[in-house]
Protein backbone atom coordinates (compact mmCIF):
# COMPACT_ATOMS: atom_id res chain seq x y z
CA MET A 1 -44.64 -84.49 36.47
CA ALA A 2 -47.12 -86.47 35.10
CA LEU A 3 -50.18 -86.02 32.83
CA PRO A 4 -53.15 -85.23 34.85
CA ALA A 5 -55.02 -88.17 33.11
CA VAL A 6 -58.02 -89.71 35.56
CA THR A 7 -58.44 -93.62 35.09
CA LEU A 8 -62.41 -94.48 34.86
CA SER A 9 -63.89 -97.61 34.61
CA HIS A 10 -66.46 -96.09 31.95
CA PRO A 11 -65.95 -93.52 28.92
CA PRO A 12 -65.82 -89.88 30.14
CA THR A 13 -68.41 -87.50 30.25
CA ARG A 14 -69.32 -84.33 31.45
CA ALA A 15 -70.98 -85.76 34.53
CA ASP A 16 -67.63 -86.90 35.44
CA ILE A 17 -66.39 -82.95 35.41
CA ASP A 18 -69.52 -81.77 37.06
CA ALA A 19 -68.55 -84.51 39.84
CA LEU A 20 -65.08 -82.71 40.44
CA PRO A 21 -64.90 -80.94 43.99
CA PRO A 22 -65.06 -76.95 43.68
CA HIS A 23 -61.03 -76.86 43.72
CA MET A 24 -60.44 -78.69 40.49
CA LYS A 25 -61.53 -78.42 36.82
CA GLY A 26 -61.88 -81.09 34.19
CA GLU A 27 -61.34 -81.51 30.56
CA ILE A 28 -62.11 -84.31 28.02
CA ILE A 29 -59.80 -84.74 25.12
CA ASP A 30 -59.76 -87.64 22.77
CA GLY A 31 -61.45 -90.01 25.30
CA VAL A 32 -58.94 -89.45 28.30
CA PHE A 33 -60.46 -87.46 31.24
CA TYR A 34 -57.84 -84.48 32.65
CA ALA A 35 -58.66 -83.27 36.17
CA MET A 36 -56.19 -80.53 37.44
CA THR A 37 -56.57 -77.92 40.57
CA ARG A 38 -57.61 -74.93 39.69
CA PRO A 39 -55.23 -71.97 38.55
CA ARG A 40 -53.65 -70.28 41.24
CA GLY A 41 -52.81 -66.32 41.59
CA LEU A 42 -50.32 -65.75 39.50
CA HIS A 43 -51.90 -67.55 36.19
CA GLN A 44 -55.06 -66.22 37.32
CA SER A 45 -53.92 -62.62 37.07
CA ILE A 46 -51.55 -62.78 33.88
CA ALA A 47 -54.87 -64.65 32.11
CA GLY A 48 -57.27 -61.83 33.56
CA LEU A 49 -54.81 -59.27 32.52
CA ILE A 50 -54.52 -60.57 28.95
CA TYR A 51 -58.30 -61.03 28.68
CA ALA A 52 -59.00 -57.57 30.05
CA ASP A 53 -56.18 -56.34 27.39
CA VAL A 54 -57.55 -57.90 23.89
CA VAL A 55 -61.53 -57.51 25.30
CA THR A 56 -61.42 -53.69 25.12
CA PRO A 57 -60.10 -53.16 21.64
CA TYR A 58 -61.21 -56.26 19.92
CA GLN A 59 -64.74 -57.25 21.39
CA ARG A 60 -65.66 -53.93 22.70
CA GLY A 61 -64.26 -51.88 19.60
CA ARG A 62 -62.66 -49.25 22.34
CA GLY A 63 -59.34 -48.22 21.01
CA GLY A 64 -59.56 -51.07 18.39
CA PRO A 65 -61.34 -52.55 15.48
CA GLY A 66 -64.17 -54.52 17.45
CA GLY A 67 -65.05 -58.11 15.66
CA TRP A 68 -64.50 -60.38 18.01
CA TRP A 69 -66.08 -62.56 21.25
CA ILE A 70 -63.38 -62.93 23.84
CA LEU A 71 -64.28 -65.12 26.69
CA PRO A 72 -62.06 -66.46 30.07
CA GLU A 73 -62.25 -70.11 31.13
CA PRO A 74 -64.96 -70.97 28.07
CA GLY A 75 -66.35 -74.18 28.51
CA ILE A 76 -66.95 -75.27 25.07
CA GLU A 77 -67.43 -78.37 23.11
CA LEU A 78 -65.22 -79.28 20.29
CA PRO A 79 -64.51 -82.57 18.47
CA ARG A 80 -63.14 -85.37 20.14
CA SER A 81 -63.92 -83.07 23.41
CA PRO A 82 -67.10 -82.68 25.03
CA GLU A 83 -65.83 -80.06 27.34
CA ILE A 84 -62.39 -78.08 27.01
CA ALA A 85 -62.04 -74.97 28.84
CA PRO A 86 -58.58 -73.03 27.71
CA ASP A 87 -57.90 -69.92 29.54
CA VAL A 88 -58.76 -67.51 27.33
CA ALA A 89 -60.71 -67.82 23.69
CA GLY A 90 -61.71 -65.78 21.25
CA TRP A 91 -64.08 -66.16 18.22
CA ARG A 92 -64.46 -63.86 14.96
CA SER A 93 -67.87 -62.23 15.06
CA ASP A 94 -68.52 -62.97 11.42
CA ARG A 95 -68.21 -66.82 12.86
CA LEU A 96 -69.90 -66.35 16.04
CA PRO A 97 -72.34 -63.77 16.00
CA ALA A 98 -73.24 -63.95 19.63
CA PRO A 99 -72.25 -66.51 22.06
CA PRO A 100 -75.24 -69.04 22.88
CA LYS A 101 -76.62 -67.54 25.97
CA ASP A 102 -77.68 -71.46 27.71
CA ALA A 103 -75.89 -73.59 25.23
CA THR A 104 -72.15 -74.73 24.91
CA ILE A 105 -70.13 -73.12 22.32
CA SER A 106 -69.52 -75.62 19.68
CA LEU A 107 -67.41 -73.71 17.32
CA VAL A 108 -63.44 -74.10 17.08
CA PRO A 109 -62.08 -70.65 18.31
CA ASP A 110 -59.89 -68.77 15.94
CA TRP A 111 -57.67 -67.68 18.98
CA ILE A 112 -56.65 -69.66 22.31
CA CYS A 113 -53.97 -68.36 24.90
CA GLU A 114 -52.97 -70.89 27.69
CA VAL A 115 -51.31 -69.74 30.38
CA LEU A 116 -48.73 -72.44 31.71
CA SER A 117 -48.67 -73.54 35.54
CA THR A 118 -46.27 -75.71 37.18
CA SER A 119 -49.15 -78.40 37.63
CA THR A 120 -50.67 -78.55 34.00
CA ARG A 121 -47.10 -77.26 31.77
CA ARG A 122 -46.94 -80.69 30.57
CA TYR A 123 -50.28 -81.01 29.66
CA ASP A 124 -50.85 -78.01 28.09
CA LEU A 125 -47.50 -78.33 25.57
CA ARG A 126 -47.92 -82.11 24.84
CA ILE A 127 -51.58 -82.64 25.00
CA LYS A 128 -53.51 -79.46 24.32
CA ARG A 129 -51.27 -77.83 22.11
CA PRO A 130 -51.24 -80.68 19.58
CA TYR A 131 -54.83 -81.02 19.98
CA TYR A 132 -55.78 -77.44 19.08
CA ALA A 133 -53.58 -77.94 15.70
CA SER A 134 -55.48 -81.16 14.93
CA ILE A 135 -58.85 -79.09 15.39
CA GLY A 136 -57.84 -76.23 13.15
CA VAL A 137 -57.37 -73.32 15.75
CA PRO A 138 -55.55 -70.71 13.49
CA TYR A 139 -53.71 -68.79 16.62
CA LEU A 140 -52.42 -70.18 19.61
CA TRP A 141 -50.66 -67.88 22.54
CA VAL A 142 -48.71 -69.77 25.12
CA VAL A 143 -47.98 -67.63 28.20
CA ASP A 144 -44.79 -69.21 30.64
CA PRO A 145 -45.44 -67.21 34.02
CA ASP A 146 -41.66 -68.62 34.74
CA ALA A 147 -39.92 -67.38 31.91
CA TYR A 148 -42.22 -64.12 31.59
CA VAL A 149 -42.84 -64.91 28.13
CA ILE A 150 -45.24 -65.14 25.76
CA THR A 151 -45.14 -67.25 22.28
CA ALA A 152 -47.70 -66.75 19.46
CA SER A 153 -48.15 -69.24 16.94
CA VAL A 154 -50.15 -69.62 13.78
CA LEU A 155 -51.36 -72.68 12.30
CA GLU A 156 -49.89 -73.56 8.63
CA ASN A 157 -50.56 -76.63 7.07
CA GLY A 158 -51.75 -78.33 10.20
CA ARG A 159 -48.46 -77.46 12.10
CA TRP A 160 -47.84 -74.33 14.21
CA SER A 161 -45.31 -72.07 13.06
CA GLU A 162 -43.60 -69.51 15.46
CA LEU A 163 -44.95 -65.83 14.56
CA GLY A 164 -42.52 -64.19 17.63
CA VAL A 165 -41.94 -64.15 21.55
CA TRP A 166 -42.36 -61.33 23.55
CA SER A 167 -41.67 -60.61 26.95
CA ASP A 168 -40.80 -57.10 28.23
CA GLU A 169 -42.17 -54.95 25.38
CA THR A 170 -44.40 -51.94 25.78
CA GLU A 171 -45.59 -51.76 22.17
CA ALA A 172 -45.88 -55.38 20.86
CA ARG A 173 -48.29 -56.08 17.76
CA ILE A 174 -48.94 -60.07 18.42
CA PRO A 175 -51.43 -61.59 15.84
CA PRO A 176 -54.16 -62.13 15.26
CA PHE A 177 -54.35 -58.92 17.52
CA ASP A 178 -51.70 -56.87 15.97
CA ALA A 179 -53.89 -53.91 15.55
CA VAL A 180 -53.52 -52.55 18.80
CA PRO A 181 -50.17 -52.63 20.54
CA PHE A 182 -50.00 -54.33 24.25
CA GLU A 183 -47.81 -53.46 26.92
CA VAL A 184 -46.47 -57.17 27.71
CA ALA A 185 -44.35 -55.91 30.30
CA ALA A 186 -47.51 -54.93 32.72
CA TRP A 187 -48.67 -59.01 32.50
CA TRP A 188 -46.29 -59.58 34.54
CA ALA A 189 -46.33 -56.68 37.14
CA GLY A 190 -46.26 -57.46 40.65
CA ALA A 191 -44.76 -60.83 39.53
CA PRO A 192 -42.06 -61.97 41.80
CA ASP A 193 -38.52 -61.09 40.07
CA ALA A 194 -40.15 -59.82 36.84
CA PRO A 195 -38.21 -58.27 34.36
């Protein structure tokens, strides 16, 4: 599967992303414009369940420590990327006291979660994963809906170190959100052939 890069006659801008049809989304990394279809049902369901499970104890402080801002598909402006939208991202509230009301977030997240799709798997792993390391994202979760696994990594000396792989656990403690256990098995609920 080819990477979803788009060739333009000019350097890509956010205007190129805004010009995409509604069923498409775009990102710009290191001067390359990537366009892809919006995530489909299973992808959105898994990302939504992860968001819901993380936001309640870590942003809202219900049953957990609070201290975070967790956002689904935030459009953020990061070094070498005027627009990138991870599936879910989080910032410690001591670094980001509140998300800006009408401006783009331009602070590197403390945690990113990417859910792989058939059409974007290679892009997420070959472009976005190394990009996140290069800008200093401390924690990355990569969710593989085909294998029903989540791999968590921590950035150490500019490289990803795997912290673990989870699949059907009901009391998983996954850094940086290891103060509250997650029922990982529930994230796949209703998916075809789920364990």
